[in-house]
Each structure stands twice: as C-alpha cells, then as structure tokens.
C-alpha atoms as a PDB file:
ATOM      1  CA  UNK A   1       0.000   0.000   0.000  1.00  0.00           C
ATOM      2  CA  UNK A   2       1.313   3.460  -0.839  1.00  0.00           C
ATOM      3  CA  UNK A   3       2.946   5.256   2.064  1.00  0.00           C
ATOM      4  CA  UNK A   4       1.068   8.494   1.317  1.00  0.00           C
ATOM      5  CA  UNK A   5      -2.325   6.780   1.607  1.00  0.00           C
ATOM      6  CA  UNK A   6      -1.415   5.205   4.936  1.00  0.00           C
ATOM      7  CA  UNK A   7      -0.082   8.514   6.236  1.00  0.00           C
ATOM      8  CA  UNK A   8      -3.271  10.313   5.209  1.00  0.00           C
ATOM      9  CA  UNK A   9      -5.411   7.621   6.854  1.00  0.00           C
ATOM     10  CA  UNK A  10      -3.419   7.724  10.090  1.00  0.00           C
ATOM     11  CA  UNK A  11      -3.622  11.509  10.346  1.00  0.00           C
ATOM     12  CA  UNK A  12      -7.316  11.669   9.449  1.00  0.00           C
ATOM     13  CA  UNK A  13      -8.417   8.959  11.869  1.00  0.00           C
ATOM     14  CA  UNK A  14      -6.282  10.230  14.752  1.00  0.00           C
ATOM     15  CA  UNK A  15      -7.601  13.757  14.215  1.00  0.00           C
ATOM     16  CA  UNK A  16     -11.190  12.499  14.147  1.00  0.00           C
ATOM     17  CA  UNK A  17     -10.721  10.456  17.314  1.00  0.00           C
ATOM     18  CA  UNK A  18      -9.164  13.389  19.161  1.00  0.00           C
ATOM     19  CA  UNK A  19     -11.973  15.710  18.130  1.00  0.00           C
ATOM     20  CA  UNK A  20     -14.651  13.211  19.127  1.00  0.00           C
ATOM     21  CA  UNK A  21     -13.365  12.702  22.652  1.00  0.00           C
ATOM     22  CA  UNK A  22     -12.534  16.323  23.421  1.00  0.00           C
ATOM     23  CA  UNK A  23     -14.542  17.596  26.377  1.00  0.00           C
ATOM     24  CA  UNK A  24     -15.610  14.227  27.794  1.00  0.00           C
ATOM     25  CA  UNK A  25     -16.835  14.345  31.375  1.00  0.00           C
ATOM     26  CA  UNK A  26     -15.348  12.296  34.198  1.00  0.00           C
ATOM     27  CA  UNK A  27     -18.393  10.069  34.013  1.00  0.00           C
ATOM     28  CA  UNK A  28     -17.901   9.436  30.313  1.00  0.00           C
ATOM     29  CA  UNK A  29     -14.219   8.630  30.779  1.00  0.00           C
ATOM     30  CA  UNK A  30     -15.230   6.081  33.413  1.00  0.00           C
ATOM     31  CA  UNK A  31     -17.658   4.221  31.136  1.00  0.00           C
ATOM     32  CA  UNK A  32     -17.074   0.529  30.544  1.00  0.00           C
ATOM     33  CA  UNK A  33     -15.993  -0.614  27.081  1.00  0.00           C
ATOM     34  CA  UNK A  34     -16.294  -3.928  25.277  1.00  0.00           C
ATOM     35  CA  UNK A  35     -12.524  -4.261  25.778  1.00  0.00           C
ATOM     36  CA  UNK A  36     -12.933  -5.463  29.348  1.00  0.00           C
ATOM     37  CA  UNK A  37     -11.831  -4.464  31.914  1.00  0.00           C
ATOM     38  CA  UNK A  38     -10.837  -1.132  30.348  1.00  0.00           C
ATOM     39  CA  UNK A  39     -12.808   2.042  30.872  1.00  0.00           C
ATOM     40  CA  UNK A  40     -12.897   4.640  28.116  1.00  0.00           C
ATOM     41  CA  UNK A  41      -9.869   6.507  29.475  1.00  0.00           C
ATOM     42  CA  UNK A  42      -7.913   3.256  29.844  1.00  0.00           C
ATOM     43  CA  UNK A  43      -8.763   2.248  26.295  1.00  0.00           C
ATOM     44  CA  UNK A  44      -7.547   5.617  25.031  1.00  0.00           C
ATOM     45  CA  UNK A  45      -4.348   5.086  27.011  1.00  0.00           C
ATOM     46  CA  UNK A  46      -3.862   1.744  25.252  1.00  0.00           C
ATOM     47  CA  UNK A  47      -4.276   3.422  21.864  1.00  0.00           C
ATOM     48  CA  UNK A  48      -1.809   6.165  22.800  1.00  0.00           C
ATOM     49  CA  UNK A  49       0.788   3.622  23.951  1.00  0.00           C
ATOM     50  CA  UNK A  50       0.265   1.503  20.831  1.00  0.00           C
ATOM     51  CA  UNK A  51       0.692   4.490  18.523  1.00  0.00           C
ATOM     52  CA  UNK A  52       3.644   5.850  20.470  1.00  0.00           C
ATOM     53  CA  UNK A  53       5.705   2.679  20.030  1.00  0.00           C
ATOM     54  CA  UNK A  54       6.779   3.956  16.614  1.00  0.00           C
ATOM     55  CA  UNK A  55       9.234   6.469  18.087  1.00  0.00           C
ATOM     56  CA  UNK A  56      11.304   3.837  19.907  1.00  0.00           C
ATOM     57  CA  UNK A  57      11.271   1.602  16.832  1.00  0.00           C
ATOM     58  CA  UNK A  58      12.664   4.390  14.676  1.00  0.00           C
ATOM     59  CA  UNK A  59      15.412   5.068  17.223  1.00  0.00           C
ATOM     60  CA  UNK A  60      16.543   1.422  17.134  1.00  0.00           C
ATOM     61  CA  UNK A  61      18.859  -0.120  14.507  1.00  0.00           C
ATOM     62  CA  UNK A  62      17.154  -0.750  11.174  1.00  0.00           C
ATOM     63  CA  UNK A  63      16.743  -4.429  10.217  1.00  0.00           C
ATOM     64  CA  UNK A  64      18.266  -5.558   6.951  1.00  0.00           C
ATOM     65  CA  UNK A  65      14.972  -6.454   5.326  1.00  0.00           C
ATOM     66  CA  UNK A  66      11.238  -6.725   6.025  1.00  0.00           C
ATOM     67  CA  UNK A  67       9.843 -10.203   6.609  1.00  0.00           C
ATOM     68  CA  UNK A  68       6.339  -9.570   8.008  1.00  0.00           C
ATOM     69  CA  UNK A  69       3.434  -7.576   6.573  1.00  0.00           C
ATOM     70  CA  UNK A  70       0.441  -6.057   8.348  1.00  0.00           C
ATOM     71  CA  UNK A  71      -1.654  -9.235   8.089  1.00  0.00           C
ATOM     72  CA  UNK A  72       1.241 -11.340   9.392  1.00  0.00           C
ATOM     73  CA  UNK A  73       1.595  -9.021  12.353  1.00  0.00           C
ATOM     74  CA  UNK A  74      -1.833 -10.192  13.564  1.00  0.00           C
ATOM     75  CA  UNK A  75      -0.983 -13.888  13.469  1.00  0.00           C
ATOM     76  CA  UNK A  76      -2.223 -15.945  16.448  1.00  0.00           C
ATOM     77  CA  UNK A  77       0.854 -16.536  18.605  1.00  0.00           C
ATOM     78  CA  UNK A  78       2.145 -15.586  22.042  1.00  0.00           C
ATOM     79  CA  UNK A  79       1.600 -11.879  21.423  1.00  0.00           C
ATOM     80  CA  UNK A  80      -2.108 -12.460  22.011  1.00  0.00           C
ATOM     81  CA  UNK A  81      -1.944 -15.141  24.699  1.00  0.00           C
ATOM     82  CA  UNK A  82      -3.240 -14.701  28.249  1.00  0.00           C
ATOM     83  CA  UNK A  83       0.056 -13.415  29.615  1.00  0.00           C
ATOM     84  CA  UNK A  84       0.476 -10.846  26.853  1.00  0.00           C
ATOM     85  CA  UNK A  85      -3.108  -9.686  27.218  1.00  0.00           C
ATOM     86  CA  UNK A  86      -2.698  -9.323  30.991  1.00  0.00           C
ATOM     87  CA  UNK A  87       0.424  -7.213  30.477  1.00  0.00           C
ATOM     88  CA  UNK A  88      -1.384  -5.131  27.848  1.00  0.00           C
ATOM     89  CA  UNK A  89      -4.287  -4.517  30.216  1.00  0.00           C
ATOM     90  CA  UNK A  90      -2.017  -3.577  33.106  1.00  0.00           C
ATOM     91  CA  UNK A  91       0.052  -1.174  31.013  1.00  0.00           C
ATOM     92  CA  UNK A  92      -3.002   0.728  29.783  1.00  0.00           C
ATOM     93  CA  UNK A  93      -4.480   0.932  33.266  1.00  0.00           C
ATOM     94  CA  UNK A  94      -1.175   2.055  34.733  1.00  0.00           C
ATOM     95  CA  UNK A  95      -0.571   4.792  32.163  1.00  0.00           C
ATOM     96  CA  UNK A  96      -4.156   6.087  32.077  1.00  0.00           C
ATOM     97  CA  UNK A  97      -3.553   8.232  35.129  1.00  0.00           C
ATOM     98  CA  UNK A  98      -0.185   9.660  34.090  1.00  0.00           C
ATOM     99  CA  UNK A  99      -1.585  12.962  32.871  1.00  0.00           C
ATOM    100  CA  UNK A 100      -4.521  15.197  33.661  1.00  0.00           C
ATOM    101  CA  UNK A 101      -5.206  15.731  29.955  1.00  0.00           C
ATOM    102  CA  UNK A 102      -5.675  12.381  28.176  1.00  0.00           C
ATOM    103  CA  UNK A 103      -6.851  14.039  24.958  1.00  0.00           C
ATOM    104  CA  UNK A 104      -3.844  16.347  24.900  1.00  0.00           C
ATOM    105  CA  UNK A 105      -1.429  13.477  25.584  1.00  0.00           C
ATOM    106  CA  UNK A 106      -2.975  11.453  22.787  1.00  0.00           C
ATOM    107  CA  UNK A 107      -2.778  14.427  20.433  1.00  0.00           C
ATOM    108  CA  UNK A 108       0.885  15.079  21.165  1.00  0.00           C
ATOM    109  CA  UNK A 109       1.739  11.409  20.693  1.00  0.00           C
ATOM    110  CA  UNK A 110       0.052  10.858  17.366  1.00  0.00           C
ATOM    111  CA  UNK A 111       1.311  14.133  15.901  1.00  0.00           C
ATOM    112  CA  UNK A 112       4.898  13.264  16.810  1.00  0.00           C
ATOM    113  CA  UNK A 113       4.495   9.851  15.205  1.00  0.00           C
ATOM    114  CA  UNK A 114       2.865  11.310  12.087  1.00  0.00           C
ATOM    115  CA  UNK A 115       5.706  13.819  11.717  1.00  0.00           C
ATOM    116  CA  UNK A 116       8.334  11.090  12.064  1.00  0.00           C
ATOM    117  CA  UNK A 117       6.536   8.818   9.614  1.00  0.00           C
ATOM    118  CA  UNK A 118       6.290  11.646   7.116  1.00  0.00           C
ATOM    119  CA  UNK A 119      10.065  12.130   7.010  1.00  0.00           C
ATOM    120  CA  UNK A 120      10.913   8.458   6.455  1.00  0.00           C
ATOM    121  CA  UNK A 121      11.354   6.782   3.086  1.00  0.00           C
ATOM    122  CA  UNK A 122       8.861   4.204   1.912  1.00  0.00           C
ATOM    123  CA  UNK A 123      11.623   1.598   2.124  1.00  0.00           C
ATOM    124  CA  UNK A 124      12.261   2.182   5.860  1.00  0.00           C
ATOM    125  CA  UNK A 125      12.265  -1.059   7.859  1.00  0.00           C
ATOM    126  CA  UNK A 126      11.613  -1.259  11.606  1.00  0.00           C
ATOM    127  CA  UNK A 127      11.536  -4.029  14.179  1.00  0.00           C
ATOM    128  CA  UNK A 128       8.427  -4.359  16.334  1.00  0.00           C
ATOM    129  CA  UNK A 129       8.492  -5.128  20.027  1.00  0.00           C
ATOM    130  CA  UNK A 130       7.517  -8.684  19.055  1.00  0.00           C
ATOM    131  CA  UNK A 131      10.645  -8.994  16.901  1.00  0.00           C
ATOM    132  CA  UNK A 132       8.953  -8.637  13.505  1.00  0.00           C
ATOM    133  CA  UNK A 133      11.027  -6.843  10.853  1.00  0.00           C
ATOM    134  CA  UNK A 134       8.442  -4.823   8.906  1.00  0.00           C
ATOM    135  CA  UNK A 135       8.284  -1.977   6.473  1.00  0.00           C
ATOM    136  CA  UNK A 136       7.342   1.083   8.507  1.00  0.00           C
ATOM    137  CA  UNK A 137       4.382   1.613   6.176  1.00  0.00           C
ATOM    138  CA  UNK A 138       3.084  -1.889   6.957  1.00  0.00           C
ATOM    139  CA  UNK A 139       3.460  -1.284  10.678  1.00  0.00           C
ATOM    140  CA  UNK A 140       1.636   2.030  10.344  1.00  0.00           C
ATOM    141  CA  UNK A 141      -1.257   0.137   8.770  1.00  0.00           C
ATOM    142  CA  UNK A 142      -1.516  -1.721  12.076  1.00  0.00           C
ATOM    143  CA  UNK A 143      -1.635   1.633  13.874  1.00  0.00           C
ATOM    144  CA  UNK A 144      -4.554   2.649  11.652  1.00  0.00           C
ATOM    145  CA  UNK A 145      -6.207  -0.620  12.702  1.00  0.00           C
ATOM    146  CA  UNK A 146      -5.725   0.372  16.355  1.00  0.00           C
ATOM    147  CA  UNK A 147      -7.256   3.801  15.775  1.00  0.00           C
ATOM    148  CA  UNK A 148     -10.221   2.433  13.837  1.00  0.00           C
ATOM    149  CA  UNK A 149     -11.256  -0.586  15.887  1.00  0.00           C
ATOM    150  CA  UNK A 150     -10.782   1.126  19.220  1.00  0.00           C
ATOM    151  CA  UNK A 151     -12.421   4.252  17.876  1.00  0.00           C
ATOM    152  CA  UNK A 152     -15.470   2.077  17.211  1.00  0.00           C
ATOM    153  CA  UNK A 153     -15.170   0.648  20.722  1.00  0.00           C
ATOM    154  CA  UNK A 154     -15.063   4.131  22.227  1.00  0.00           C
ATOM    155  CA  UNK A 155     -17.959   5.397  20.121  1.00  0.00           C
ATOM    156  CA  UNK A 156     -20.090   2.448  21.215  1.00  0.00           C
ATOM    157  CA  UNK A 157     -19.140   2.898  24.874  1.00  0.00           C
ATOM    158  CA  UNK A 158     -20.055   6.574  24.697  1.00  0.00           C
ATOM    159  CA  UNK A 159     -23.293   5.942  22.795  1.00  0.00           C
ATOM    160  CA  UNK A 160     -22.161   8.100  19.881  1.00  0.00           C
ATOM    161  CA  UNK A 161     -22.161   7.618  16.105  1.00  0.00           C
ATOM    162  CA  UNK A 162     -18.873   6.300  14.754  1.00  0.00           C
ATOM    163  CA  UNK A 163     -16.451   8.999  13.570  1.00  0.00           C
ATOM    164  CA  UNK A 164     -14.765   6.580  11.132  1.00  0.00           C
ATOM    165  CA  UNK A 165     -13.028   8.402   8.276  1.00  0.00           C
ATOM    166  CA  UNK A 166     -13.157   7.322   4.652  1.00  0.00           C
ATOM    167  CA  UNK A 167      -9.361   7.323   4.419  1.00  0.00           C
ATOM    168  CA  UNK A 168      -8.922   4.910   7.326  1.00  0.00           C
ATOM    169  CA  UNK A 169     -11.842   2.765   6.208  1.00  0.00           C
ATOM    170  CA  UNK A 170     -10.245   2.388   2.768  1.00  0.00           C
ATOM    171  CA  UNK A 171      -7.019   1.154   4.373  1.00  0.00           C
ATOM    172  CA  UNK A 172      -8.807  -1.419   6.520  1.00  0.00           C
ATOM    173  CA  UNK A 173     -11.057  -2.645   3.749  1.00  0.00           C
ATOM    174  CA  UNK A 174      -8.000  -3.195   1.537  1.00  0.00           C
ATOM    175  CA  UNK A 175      -6.332  -5.084   4.390  1.00  0.00           C
ATOM    176  CA  UNK A 176      -9.313  -7.256   5.291  1.00  0.00           C
ATOM    177  CA  UNK A 177     -10.933  -8.047   1.937  1.00  0.00           C
ATOM    178  CA  UNK A 178      -8.984 -10.114  -0.590  1.00  0.00           C
ATOM    179  CA  UNK A 179     -11.576 -11.081  -3.210  1.00  0.00           C
ATOM    180  CA  UNK A 180     -13.911  -8.066  -3.324  1.00  0.00           C
ATOM    181  CA  UNK A 181     -13.852  -4.354  -2.661  1.00  0.00           C
ATOM    182  CA  UNK A 182     -15.496  -2.818   0.364  1.00  0.00           C
ATOM    183  CA  UNK A 183     -18.029  -0.870  -1.658  1.00  0.00           C
ATOM    184  CA  UNK A 184     -19.441  -4.009  -3.307  1.00  0.00           C
ATOM    185  CA  UNK A 185     -19.670  -5.862   0.009  1.00  0.00           C
ATOM    186  CA  UNK A 186     -21.383  -2.934   1.676  1.00  0.00           C
ATOM    187  CA  UNK A 187     -23.813  -2.562  -1.214  1.00  0.00           C
ATOM    188  CA  UNK A 188     -24.688  -6.281  -1.205  1.00  0.00           C
ATOM    189  CA  UNK A 189     -25.461  -6.265   2.504  1.00  0.00           C
ATOM    190  CA  UNK A 190     -26.770  -2.742   3.000  1.00  0.00           C
ATOM    191  CA  UNK A 191     -23.979  -1.918   5.436  1.00  0.00           C
ATOM    192  CA  UNK A 192     -22.261   1.365   6.051  1.00  0.00           C
ATOM    193  CA  UNK A 193     -18.489   1.518   6.540  1.00  0.00           C
ATOM    194  CA  UNK A 194     -18.631   1.232  10.309  1.00  0.00           C
ATOM    195  CA  UNK A 195     -20.898  -1.824  10.171  1.00  0.00           C
ATOM    196  CA  UNK A 196     -18.564  -3.596   7.759  1.00  0.00           C
ATOM    197  CA  UNK A 197     -15.592  -3.040  10.045  1.00  0.00           C
ATOM    198  CA  UNK A 198     -17.525  -3.972  13.187  1.00  0.00           C
ATOM    199  CA  UNK A 199     -18.572  -7.240  11.533  1.00  0.00           C
ATOM    200  CA  UNK A 200     -15.127  -7.918  10.073  1.00  0.00           C
ATOM    201  CA  UNK A 201     -13.367  -7.444  13.416  1.00  0.00           C
ATOM    202  CA  UNK A 202     -15.761  -9.464  15.535  1.00  0.00           C
ATOM    203  CA  UNK A 203     -17.464  -6.473  17.106  1.00  0.00           C
ATOM    204  CA  UNK A 204     -20.866  -7.471  15.714  1.00  0.00           C
ATOM    205  CA  UNK A 205     -22.254 -10.900  14.877  1.00  0.00           C
ATOM    206  CA  UNK A 206     -22.806 -12.185  11.349  1.00  0.00           C
ATOM    207  CA  UNK A 207     -26.015 -13.933  10.354  1.00  0.00           C
ATOM    208  CA  UNK A 208     -26.009 -16.799   7.838  1.00  0.00           C
ATOM    209  CA  UNK A 209     -26.463 -14.611   4.753  1.00  0.00           C
ATOM    210  CA  UNK A 210     -23.810 -12.196   5.954  1.00  0.00           C
ATOM    211  CA  UNK A 211     -21.385 -15.034   6.570  1.00  0.00           C
ATOM    212  CA  UNK A 212     -21.817 -16.221   2.983  1.00  0.00           C
ATOM    213  CA  UNK A 213     -21.203 -12.754   1.557  1.00  0.00           C
ATOM    214  CA  UNK A 214     -18.190 -12.177   3.755  1.00  0.00           C
ATOM    215  CA  UNK A 215     -16.776 -15.556   2.716  1.00  0.00           C
ATOM    216  CA  UNK A 216     -17.242 -14.571  -0.927  1.00  0.00           C
ATOM    217  CA  UNK A 217     -15.350 -11.361  -0.237  1.00  0.00           C
ATOM    218  CA  UNK A 218     -12.372 -13.365   1.006  1.00  0.00           C
ATOM    219  CA  UNK A 219     -12.163 -11.732   4.405  1.00  0.00           C
ATOM    220  CA  UNK A 220      -8.922 -11.895   6.367  1.00  0.00           C
ATOM    221  CA  UNK A 221      -9.673 -12.482  10.038  1.00  0.00           C
ATOM    222  CA  UNK A 222      -7.122 -10.718  12.207  1.00  0.00           C
ATOM    223  CA  UNK A 223      -6.165 -11.988  15.656  1.00  0.00           C
ATOM    224  CA  UNK A 224      -6.870  -9.091  17.995  1.00  0.00           C
ATOM    225  CA  UNK A 225      -6.059  -9.003  21.706  1.00  0.00           C
END
C-alpha cells in the first residue's frame, strides 16, 4: 500500500478520534468498554501507547529487510496469549492516570508519530516489540487498525455515532478483503463503513447470509487481543 495513503489515513483517523473525545466528562471517561476491563480513558491510554511505540522503533537499529506484513503481524501466537493480554491490560491501566489531559497526551503522541513517519522513506524497515522486521508503512497500517477498531469501541461505549473516516476505512477494507472491494460488500449487505468493520473485526455478529457474503469477499480475520 502506498505510504502516502497510509499517512493520510493515520492523520485523518487520529484527528477524528481526538476531536470526538474532546470535552468528555469524568463520568464518560469512566464508562465501561467492550474491551474489558478497560474504561474509556484506559482504552484511550492503550491506543496512545500503541501508537507511540513507533518512536522507539525508529530510534533502534534498522533491520536488513522486512519479513512480516500487516496481516502477518496479527498472526495468532504468544503476542495475544493470556500473559500478553494481561500485560497489555495492566500497562493501559497504569498509564491512564499519568496525565490530567488524556486528549492532549494522545494528540501530542500521534502528531509526533505522524511527523516522524512523514520524514521516512517508503523503504524504511523497523523491528516491532515482538521482533517482527516490517516496512514502517506496513506497521503504520496496524496503527490505523488500532485507531479504527478502538475508535469504534469508544464510540459504542459513549453511545455516539462512529467517527470513522473514509481514508482509514479504505485502508482497513483493503487489508481485510482479498476477493472483493469494500463498496461491493457494503452494497450487497446494506452496510455502512462502520458496520462492515464492526462485523469484520468481531465487534458485531454475522447472520447466515452475511457469513456467505463475507466468505465470498475473502475476508482476512485478524487476531486481535
């Protein structure tokens, strides 16, 4: 996928998320999310930490070549086992209270990452914390995934319409659908973009007819923690 498209999607979705959560009350930050046991503020902390990992990766030595793409990053191994999930939960809960301005902290983090990404060549390779050598662009696709799926989780927890951007939706549809385009799948099922991504990431159930259409579309099921 072209670096420019991923960069545009990352910036657009991060900007939309930040705008949507600006001005939340203490009660709204404390709402439960489907990503148990996280509250809304803890889920945002997880997203901020996940996005912010890019800076340390860029500061580390560059691997010789990329060996894993964005789909391969979500393979079902120890990175999503019980121990890893427990550590992920604890980290988000521990960092949620680090600042009095969670929206501001998120905004500073994603803008720093976007600026760094923008200066790197499309051939730049990084190593993830799991040891995967990846093109930076492929890893940034996974950061768009984080922004989108957890943006949907936050919107649902807050009882608000999804703020999903077209740019980010295009990136995820290209990642998830291998035999059809998102527009044709959405048209066949009468879904909007948010519904497609909720269904494709296990955030909403599929009925029998929907399962058949999704199978026809060649969906890639990602392992998500």
